[in-house]
């Protein structure tokens, strides 16, 4: 059998407790069953010095990073995705959904076939569920940083328009659209029938339209509060989905939050979290400028200017994504909301796994789950990242 790392201070289940984490064949195993059924002890033991072990982070909205722009049709898109996948390991990310913003159809047709869906490993974080397509079927009024020239609406044969725009959807896992667009509900039904998660966002939808979208199959909200109508007490709009009583029984609506200290005020983070904690999914919405510092960079068909922690469409005051990696978002969310460590970690692991229907294998350290986990110090800074039980990244000061 493969060596079985023994990890103290493991975050098993949905609480942090002092346990050994047993891994075999890339999965978390039950040590009692292993001992009593096979009379086995660990082949290999590793002492993590009382640090926290948590499920690997999952980022379902990331536009690029480290100079790689997922919305650009380069000669070798796959190598750019691979570079980002490697660099994300240092931030505790073990799975992600490469995200394309509004682009012309030829970009989707060139880029999407070059993004493989594959498991993570020493080569980098995994593209396990597929790609997130944010636009172009969104509101002009709430387009944010999406280029207006490439926005589209649904025509008479709505789903045909989707296929003509994107291509065959073979590796697509999430589509963000504005539910107030005509024929959007038939598109939502067609996408969800294919197992694709539909997210509402970049929208001027009122609450009634948002509720209808959920009844049609939508299950996610793209970066809550951003690029949507502000909350109003007589019609709370998309934000009202967090406490709506008009959703199908047993349905959980998930919502993304960019916890970078820029996109969402700490008070708004607290309001959303207290209203619907089990649906909160931390996303970075990171742009290609992630990790590069100040200066001019790209995002799809336009230029982006980065100054400190701000990324704007060049020459405007329009925010265009974040330059904060996932581990920074987890720490800010914890500090801003005063939630428990477990809650902050679940928002970056269990909840996105549940959204994508991967929670039997990802997002937890339950027995049988894939052994994708991150080693954190008390300040929740990443010390090491493991995928399938194998060490794939380690901080310099954490090496023996």
Protein backbone atom coordinates (compact mmCIF):
# COMPACT_ATOMS: atom_id res chain seq x y z
CA UNK A 1 0.00 0.00 0.00
CA UNK A 2 0.97 3.63 -0.39
CA UNK A 3 2.45 5.32 2.68
CA UNK A 4 -0.18 6.56 5.10
CA UNK A 5 0.68 10.04 6.42
CA UNK A 6 -0.27 10.50 10.05
CA UNK A 7 -1.36 14.07 10.75
CA UNK A 8 -2.07 15.49 14.20
CA UNK A 9 -4.52 18.34 14.83
CA UNK A 10 -6.69 17.32 11.90
CA UNK A 11 -9.90 19.13 10.99
CA UNK A 12 -12.13 16.07 10.62
CA UNK A 13 -15.87 16.41 10.19
CA UNK A 14 -17.26 19.90 10.67
CA UNK A 15 -15.22 20.90 13.69
CA UNK A 16 -11.56 21.39 14.48
CA UNK A 17 -10.38 18.71 16.84
CA UNK A 18 -7.16 16.97 17.73
CA UNK A 19 -7.07 13.79 15.68
CA UNK A 20 -4.81 11.81 13.39
CA UNK A 21 -5.66 12.03 9.70
CA UNK A 22 -5.14 8.70 7.96
CA UNK A 23 -4.68 8.57 4.20
CA UNK A 24 -4.38 5.64 1.82
CA UNK A 25 -4.71 5.55 -1.92
CA UNK A 26 -5.30 9.28 -2.03
CA UNK A 27 -8.33 9.19 0.26
CA UNK A 28 -9.09 9.77 3.92
CA UNK A 29 -9.63 6.41 5.65
CA UNK A 30 -11.11 5.25 8.95
CA UNK A 31 -8.17 4.15 11.15
CA UNK A 32 -10.34 1.93 13.33
CA UNK A 33 -11.63 0.01 10.34
CA UNK A 34 -8.09 -0.19 8.96
CA UNK A 35 -6.76 -1.59 12.23
CA UNK A 36 -9.53 -4.02 13.08
CA UNK A 37 -10.16 -5.28 9.52
CA UNK A 38 -6.55 -5.39 8.29
CA UNK A 39 -4.44 -5.09 11.44
CA UNK A 40 -2.53 -2.30 9.76
CA UNK A 41 -0.60 0.56 11.26
CA UNK A 42 0.73 3.60 9.43
CA UNK A 43 3.62 3.08 7.04
CA UNK A 44 4.62 6.72 7.41
CA UNK A 45 3.94 9.34 10.06
CA UNK A 46 4.28 13.11 9.77
CA UNK A 47 4.08 15.49 12.69
CA UNK A 48 2.48 18.82 11.77
CA UNK A 49 3.28 20.39 15.10
CA UNK A 50 -0.28 21.09 16.18
CA UNK A 51 -1.18 23.07 13.06
CA UNK A 52 -4.65 23.02 11.50
CA UNK A 53 -5.44 20.64 8.66
CA UNK A 54 -8.39 21.79 6.57
CA UNK A 55 -9.93 20.68 3.27
CA UNK A 56 -8.26 22.20 0.25
CA UNK A 57 -9.78 25.47 -0.95
CA UNK A 58 -11.99 25.51 -4.06
CA UNK A 59 -12.26 28.71 -6.12
CA UNK A 60 -15.27 28.71 -8.47
CA UNK A 61 -14.62 32.18 -9.91
CA UNK A 62 -11.11 33.11 -10.98
CA UNK A 63 -10.41 34.98 -14.21
CA UNK A 64 -6.69 34.27 -14.29
CA UNK A 65 -3.61 35.28 -12.37
CA UNK A 66 0.16 35.67 -12.48
CA UNK A 67 -0.05 37.20 -15.94
CA UNK A 68 -2.38 34.56 -17.40
CA UNK A 69 -5.74 35.74 -18.77
CA UNK A 70 -8.25 32.92 -19.24
CA UNK A 71 -10.29 35.12 -21.59
CA UNK A 72 -7.47 35.45 -24.12
CA UNK A 73 -7.02 33.09 -27.04
CA UNK A 74 -3.27 32.45 -26.85
CA UNK A 75 -1.33 29.85 -28.80
CA UNK A 76 -1.29 27.50 -25.80
CA UNK A 77 -4.16 28.18 -23.40
CA UNK A 78 -3.47 24.93 -21.55
CA UNK A 79 0.02 26.00 -20.45
CA UNK A 80 -1.39 29.22 -19.01
CA UNK A 81 -4.04 27.34 -17.06
CA UNK A 82 -1.30 24.97 -15.83
CA UNK A 83 0.83 27.89 -14.64
CA UNK A 84 -2.06 29.32 -12.61
CA UNK A 85 -2.83 25.85 -11.25
CA UNK A 86 0.74 25.56 -9.93
CA UNK A 87 0.83 29.02 -8.41
CA UNK A 88 -2.51 28.55 -6.63
CA UNK A 89 -1.06 25.72 -4.54
CA UNK A 90 0.79 28.22 -2.34
CA UNK A 91 -2.58 29.77 -1.48
CA UNK A 92 -4.15 26.48 -0.42
CA UNK A 93 -6.30 26.10 -3.55
CA UNK A 94 -6.58 22.47 -4.68
CA UNK A 95 -9.43 22.87 -7.22
CA UNK A 96 -10.71 25.79 -9.29
CA UNK A 97 -13.01 26.79 -12.13
CA UNK A 98 -11.20 28.91 -14.73
CA UNK A 99 -13.55 31.79 -15.48
CA UNK A 100 -14.06 33.59 -18.78
CA UNK A 101 -15.68 37.01 -18.80
CA UNK A 102 -17.86 38.33 -21.65
CA UNK A 103 -16.04 37.70 -24.92
CA UNK A 104 -16.86 37.36 -28.63
CA UNK A 105 -17.91 33.84 -29.74
CA UNK A 106 -14.58 33.14 -31.46
CA UNK A 107 -12.79 33.47 -28.12
CA UNK A 108 -14.99 30.82 -26.48
CA UNK A 109 -14.59 28.53 -29.50
CA UNK A 110 -10.78 28.81 -29.35
CA UNK A 111 -10.25 28.82 -25.59
CA UNK A 112 -12.75 26.32 -24.17
CA UNK A 113 -11.50 23.23 -26.08
CA UNK A 114 -8.01 23.90 -24.71
CA UNK A 115 -8.98 23.82 -21.01
CA UNK A 116 -8.90 20.21 -19.81
CA UNK A 117 -10.96 19.00 -16.88
CA UNK A 118 -8.50 17.04 -14.77
CA UNK A 119 -7.58 16.15 -11.21
CA UNK A 120 -4.99 18.07 -9.27
CA UNK A 121 -1.56 16.81 -8.27
CA UNK A 122 2.10 17.89 -8.16
CA UNK A 123 1.43 19.71 -11.46
CA UNK A 124 -1.08 22.01 -9.73
CA UNK A 125 -4.66 22.47 -8.56
CA UNK A 126 -7.31 20.52 -10.41
CA UNK A 127 -9.87 21.77 -12.92
CA UNK A 128 -12.28 19.18 -11.61
CA UNK A 129 -15.72 20.52 -12.39
CA UNK A 130 -15.03 22.64 -15.45
CA UNK A 131 -15.12 26.23 -16.60
CA UNK A 132 -17.19 29.16 -15.32
CA UNK A 133 -18.62 31.33 -18.13
CA UNK A 134 -19.56 34.76 -16.76
CA UNK A 135 -21.53 36.45 -19.54
CA UNK A 136 -22.17 37.49 -22.26
CA UNK A 137 -25.91 37.01 -21.49
CA UNK A 138 -25.99 39.72 -18.83
CA UNK A 139 -27.46 43.17 -18.19
CA UNK A 140 -26.03 46.21 -19.91
CA UNK A 141 -26.86 48.34 -16.89
CA UNK A 142 -24.96 46.03 -14.52
CA UNK A 143 -22.25 44.80 -16.85
CA UNK A 144 -19.49 46.12 -14.58
CA UNK A 145 -16.14 45.44 -16.25
CA UNK A 146 -17.68 43.34 -19.05
CA UNK A 147 -17.26 44.97 -22.48
CA UNK A 148 -20.61 46.25 -23.73
CA UNK A 149 -19.83 45.51 -27.38
CA UNK A 150 -19.87 41.76 -26.77
CA UNK A 151 -23.01 41.47 -24.62
CA UNK A 152 -25.76 39.28 -26.03
CA UNK A 153 -29.43 38.53 -25.46
CA UNK A 154 -31.46 35.40 -26.20
CA UNK A 155 -33.25 35.27 -29.54
CA UNK A 156 -36.15 33.07 -30.63
CA UNK A 157 -34.17 29.82 -30.31
CA UNK A 158 -32.57 30.71 -27.00
CA UNK A 159 -30.54 27.59 -26.23
CA UNK A 160 -29.28 27.49 -29.81
CA UNK A 161 -27.92 31.00 -29.17
CA UNK A 162 -26.06 29.65 -26.14
CA UNK A 163 -24.49 26.82 -28.14
CA UNK A 164 -23.64 29.14 -31.02
CA UNK A 165 -21.91 31.50 -28.61
CA UNK A 166 -20.01 29.06 -26.42
CA UNK A 167 -19.68 25.87 -28.42
CA UNK A 168 -20.63 22.37 -27.20
CA UNK A 169 -20.36 23.07 -23.41
CA UNK A 170 -18.44 19.83 -22.82
CA UNK A 171 -16.22 21.26 -20.09
CA UNK A 172 -18.53 24.01 -18.77
CA UNK A 173 -19.69 23.77 -15.15
CA UNK A 174 -21.10 27.23 -14.30
CA UNK A 175 -22.83 29.85 -16.44
CA UNK A 176 -23.64 33.32 -15.06
CA UNK A 177 -26.58 35.04 -16.72
CA UNK A 178 -29.13 37.77 -16.00
CA UNK A 179 -32.52 36.15 -15.30
CA UNK A 180 -34.53 39.15 -16.49
CA UNK A 181 -33.45 38.55 -20.10
CA UNK A 182 -36.23 37.23 -22.31
CA UNK A 183 -36.30 33.41 -22.60
CA UNK A 184 -33.76 33.06 -19.80
CA UNK A 185 -35.86 30.48 -17.97
CA UNK A 186 -35.84 28.02 -20.85
CA UNK A 187 -32.06 28.47 -21.04
CA UNK A 188 -31.72 27.86 -17.30
CA UNK A 189 -33.76 24.67 -17.61
CA UNK A 190 -31.72 23.47 -20.57
CA UNK A 191 -28.40 24.16 -18.87
CA UNK A 192 -29.35 22.52 -15.58
CA UNK A 193 -30.67 19.50 -17.49
CA UNK A 194 -27.08 19.11 -18.74
CA UNK A 195 -25.72 19.26 -15.20
CA UNK A 196 -24.47 22.82 -15.56
CA UNK A 197 -24.85 25.13 -12.56
CA UNK A 198 -26.64 28.37 -13.44
CA UNK A 199 -25.75 31.49 -11.49
CA UNK A 200 -27.70 34.74 -11.51
CA UNK A 201 -25.65 37.91 -11.65
CA UNK A 202 -24.73 41.09 -13.51
CA UNK A 203 -28.44 41.73 -13.40
CA UNK A 204 -31.22 44.22 -12.69
CA UNK A 205 -33.64 41.44 -11.76
CA UNK A 206 -36.22 42.03 -9.06
CA UNK A 207 -36.86 39.40 -6.41
CA UNK A 208 -39.73 37.81 -8.32
CA UNK A 209 -37.56 37.25 -11.40
CA UNK A 210 -34.75 35.90 -9.24
CA UNK A 211 -37.12 33.47 -7.49
CA UNK A 212 -38.43 32.25 -10.84
CA UNK A 213 -34.85 31.63 -11.96
CA UNK A 214 -34.26 29.46 -8.89
CA UNK A 215 -37.49 27.56 -9.52
CA UNK A 216 -36.21 26.97 -13.07
CA UNK A 217 -32.98 25.51 -11.69
CA UNK A 218 -30.54 28.34 -10.85
CA UNK A 219 -28.58 27.59 -7.68
CA UNK A 220 -25.91 30.28 -7.33
CA UNK A 221 -25.55 34.06 -7.12
CA UNK A 222 -22.46 35.61 -8.70
CA UNK A 223 -20.54 37.91 -6.29
CA UNK A 224 -23.46 39.01 -4.09
CA UNK A 225 -24.06 42.79 -3.84
CA UNK A 226 -21.75 43.49 -6.79
CA UNK A 227 -23.24 44.14 -10.26
CA UNK A 228 -26.87 43.88 -9.14
CA UNK A 229 -29.60 46.19 -7.87
CA UNK A 230 -28.90 47.35 -4.32
CA UNK A 231 -31.08 45.98 -1.54
CA UNK A 232 -34.37 47.87 -1.18
CA UNK A 233 -36.88 47.12 1.55
CA UNK A 234 -39.87 46.94 -0.83
CA UNK A 235 -38.08 44.81 -3.40
CA UNK A 236 -34.75 43.40 -2.21
CA UNK A 237 -33.86 42.09 -5.68
CA UNK A 238 -31.45 39.18 -6.02
CA UNK A 239 -30.19 39.81 -2.48
CA UNK A 240 -33.63 38.78 -1.24
CA UNK A 241 -32.99 35.18 -2.33
CA UNK A 242 -30.99 34.70 0.88
CA UNK A 243 -34.19 34.75 2.95
CA UNK A 244 -36.88 34.06 0.35
CA UNK A 245 -39.75 31.75 1.31
CA UNK A 246 -40.69 31.19 -2.35
CA UNK A 247 -37.93 28.73 -3.24
CA UNK A 248 -38.48 25.00 -3.86
CA UNK A 249 -38.55 23.00 -0.59
CA UNK A 250 -35.14 21.75 0.44
CA UNK A 251 -33.28 23.92 -2.06
CA UNK A 252 -30.21 25.77 -0.80
CA UNK A 253 -29.25 28.87 -2.76
CA UNK A 254 -25.50 29.47 -2.71
CA UNK A 255 -23.91 32.86 -3.22
CA UNK A 256 -20.39 34.05 -3.94
CA UNK A 257 -18.69 36.70 -1.83
CA UNK A 258 -15.47 38.53 -2.71
CA UNK A 259 -13.99 39.02 0.76
CA UNK A 260 -11.04 41.18 -0.26
CA UNK A 261 -11.90 44.27 1.79
CA UNK A 262 -12.61 46.18 -1.44
CA UNK A 263 -15.66 44.69 -3.16
CA UNK A 264 -17.86 44.25 -0.10
CA UNK A 265 -17.96 46.26 3.09
CA UNK A 266 -17.40 44.22 6.25
CA UNK A 267 -20.90 45.11 7.45
CA UNK A 268 -22.40 43.70 4.23
CA UNK A 269 -20.37 40.52 4.71
CA UNK A 270 -21.80 40.19 8.20
CA UNK A 271 -25.38 40.79 7.03
CA UNK A 272 -25.15 38.13 4.31
CA UNK A 273 -23.41 35.62 6.56
CA UNK A 274 -25.88 36.00 9.40
CA UNK A 275 -28.84 35.81 7.03
CA UNK A 276 -27.77 32.62 5.23
CA UNK A 277 -24.46 31.19 6.50
CA UNK A 278 -24.80 27.75 4.89
CA UNK A 279 -24.92 29.22 1.38
CA UNK A 280 -21.87 31.49 1.52
CA UNK A 281 -19.11 30.62 -0.93
CA UNK A 282 -15.87 32.59 -0.88
CA UNK A 283 -14.60 33.45 -4.37
CA UNK A 284 -11.60 35.51 -5.38
CA UNK A 285 -12.83 36.81 -8.76
CA UNK A 286 -9.09 37.22 -9.27
CA UNK A 287 -7.86 38.91 -12.44
CA UNK A 288 -4.67 38.19 -14.42
CA UNK A 289 -2.90 40.89 -12.40
CA UNK A 290 -3.04 38.66 -9.30
CA UNK A 291 0.52 38.35 -8.03
CA UNK A 292 2.00 40.97 -10.39
CA UNK A 293 1.74 44.24 -8.45
CA UNK A 294 0.88 47.73 -9.68
CA UNK A 295 0.65 48.60 -13.35
CA UNK A 296 -1.42 47.94 -16.46
CA UNK A 297 -2.58 44.44 -17.27
CA UNK A 298 -5.39 42.82 -19.29
CA UNK A 299 -8.76 41.23 -18.59
CA UNK A 300 -10.27 39.79 -21.73
CA UNK A 301 -10.72 42.50 -24.32
CA UNK A 302 -9.71 45.46 -22.15
CA UNK A 303 -6.93 46.94 -20.05
CA UNK A 304 -6.88 46.87 -16.26
CA UNK A 305 -5.02 49.24 -13.99
CA UNK A 306 -3.86 48.03 -10.58
CA UNK A 307 -3.00 50.44 -7.79
CA UNK A 308 -2.45 48.87 -4.38
CA UNK A 309 -5.40 46.61 -3.61
CA UNK A 310 -7.59 48.12 -6.35
CA UNK A 311 -8.07 46.83 -9.89
CA UNK A 312 -10.05 49.09 -12.23
CA UNK A 313 -10.86 49.14 -15.93
CA UNK A 314 -8.13 51.45 -17.17
CA UNK A 315 -9.23 55.08 -17.27
CA UNK A 316 -12.38 54.47 -15.19
CA UNK A 317 -13.46 53.88 -11.61
CA UNK A 318 -15.11 50.54 -12.44
CA UNK A 319 -13.83 47.67 -10.30
CA UNK A 320 -12.88 44.68 -12.41
CA UNK A 321 -12.17 41.77 -10.13
CA UNK A 322 -9.84 41.20 -7.25
CA UNK A 323 -6.12 40.76 -6.72
CA UNK A 324 -6.55 38.94 -3.41
CA UNK A 325 -5.81 35.18 -3.35
CA UNK A 326 -8.12 32.74 -1.57
CA UNK A 327 -6.15 32.44 1.68
CA UNK A 328 -6.28 36.23 2.09
CA UNK A 329 -10.05 36.15 1.52
CA UNK A 330 -10.48 33.45 4.16
CA UNK A 331 -8.55 35.48 6.73
CA UNK A 332 -10.43 38.69 5.93
CA UNK A 333 -13.78 36.92 6.10
CA UNK A 334 -12.90 35.47 9.50
CA UNK A 335 -11.84 38.86 10.85
CA UNK A 336 -14.75 40.80 9.31
CA UNK A 337 -17.55 38.50 10.45
CA UNK A 338 -16.17 37.19 13.73
CA UNK A 339 -17.25 33.71 12.66
CA UNK A 340 -15.56 30.52 13.82
CA UNK A 341 -12.45 29.20 12.10
CA UNK A 342 -14.46 26.19 10.95
CA UNK A 343 -17.07 28.43 9.35
CA UNK A 344 -14.46 30.47 7.47
CA UNK A 345 -12.76 27.33 6.18
CA UNK A 346 -16.03 25.71 5.08
CA UNK A 347 -16.92 28.79 3.03
CA UNK A 348 -13.81 28.13 0.92
CA UNK A 349 -14.09 24.34 0.78
CA UNK A 350 -17.28 22.51 1.76
CA UNK A 351 -19.75 25.06 0.38
CA UNK A 352 -18.22 25.35 -3.11
CA UNK A 353 -17.99 21.55 -3.20
CA UNK A 354 -21.69 21.32 -2.33
CA UNK A 355 -22.53 23.90 -5.01
CA UNK A 356 -20.73 21.81 -7.63
CA UNK A 357 -22.13 18.51 -6.37
CA UNK A 358 -18.65 17.30 -5.41
CA UNK A 359 -19.10 17.12 -1.64
CA UNK A 360 -18.88 13.32 -1.52
CA UNK A 361 -15.23 13.62 -2.53
CA UNK A 362 -14.15 17.26 -2.07
CA UNK A 363 -14.51 19.98 0.54
CA UNK A 364 -14.26 17.85 3.69
CA UNK A 365 -11.98 15.41 5.48
CA UNK A 366 -14.69 12.85 6.07
CA UNK A 367 -13.81 9.19 5.63
CA UNK A 368 -13.82 8.36 1.93
CA UNK A 369 -13.16 11.92 0.79
CA UNK A 370 -10.21 12.74 -1.44
CA UNK A 371 -7.21 13.67 0.69
CA UNK A 372 -6.92 17.24 -0.64
CA UNK A 373 -5.99 19.37 2.34
CA UNK A 374 -4.05 22.39 3.46
CA UNK A 375 -1.85 22.84 6.54
CA UNK A 376 -2.43 26.20 8.24
CA UNK A 377 -0.83 27.98 11.17
CA UNK A 378 -2.85 29.72 13.88
CA UNK A 379 -3.17 32.83 11.71
CA UNK A 380 -4.54 30.65 8.85
CA UNK A 381 -1.44 31.22 6.74
CA UNK A 382 -0.73 28.33 4.38
CA UNK A 383 2.21 26.14 5.42
CA UNK A 384 1.69 23.22 3.05
CA UNK A 385 -0.76 21.89 0.48
CA UNK A 386 -1.57 18.24 -0.20
CA UNK A 387 -3.51 16.69 -3.08
CA UNK A 388 -4.54 13.02 -2.91
CA UNK A 389 -2.41 12.75 0.21
CA UNK A 390 0.76 13.87 -1.57
CA UNK A 391 2.69 17.01 -0.60
CA UNK A 392 2.50 19.38 -3.59
CA UNK A 393 3.66 22.65 -2.01
CA UNK A 394 5.40 23.68 1.20
CA UNK A 395 6.40 27.06 2.58
CA UNK A 396 10.15 27.67 2.80
CA UNK A 397 10.05 28.22 6.56
CA UNK A 398 8.01 25.03 7.06
CA UNK A 399 10.54 22.74 5.40
CA UNK A 400 12.67 20.46 7.54
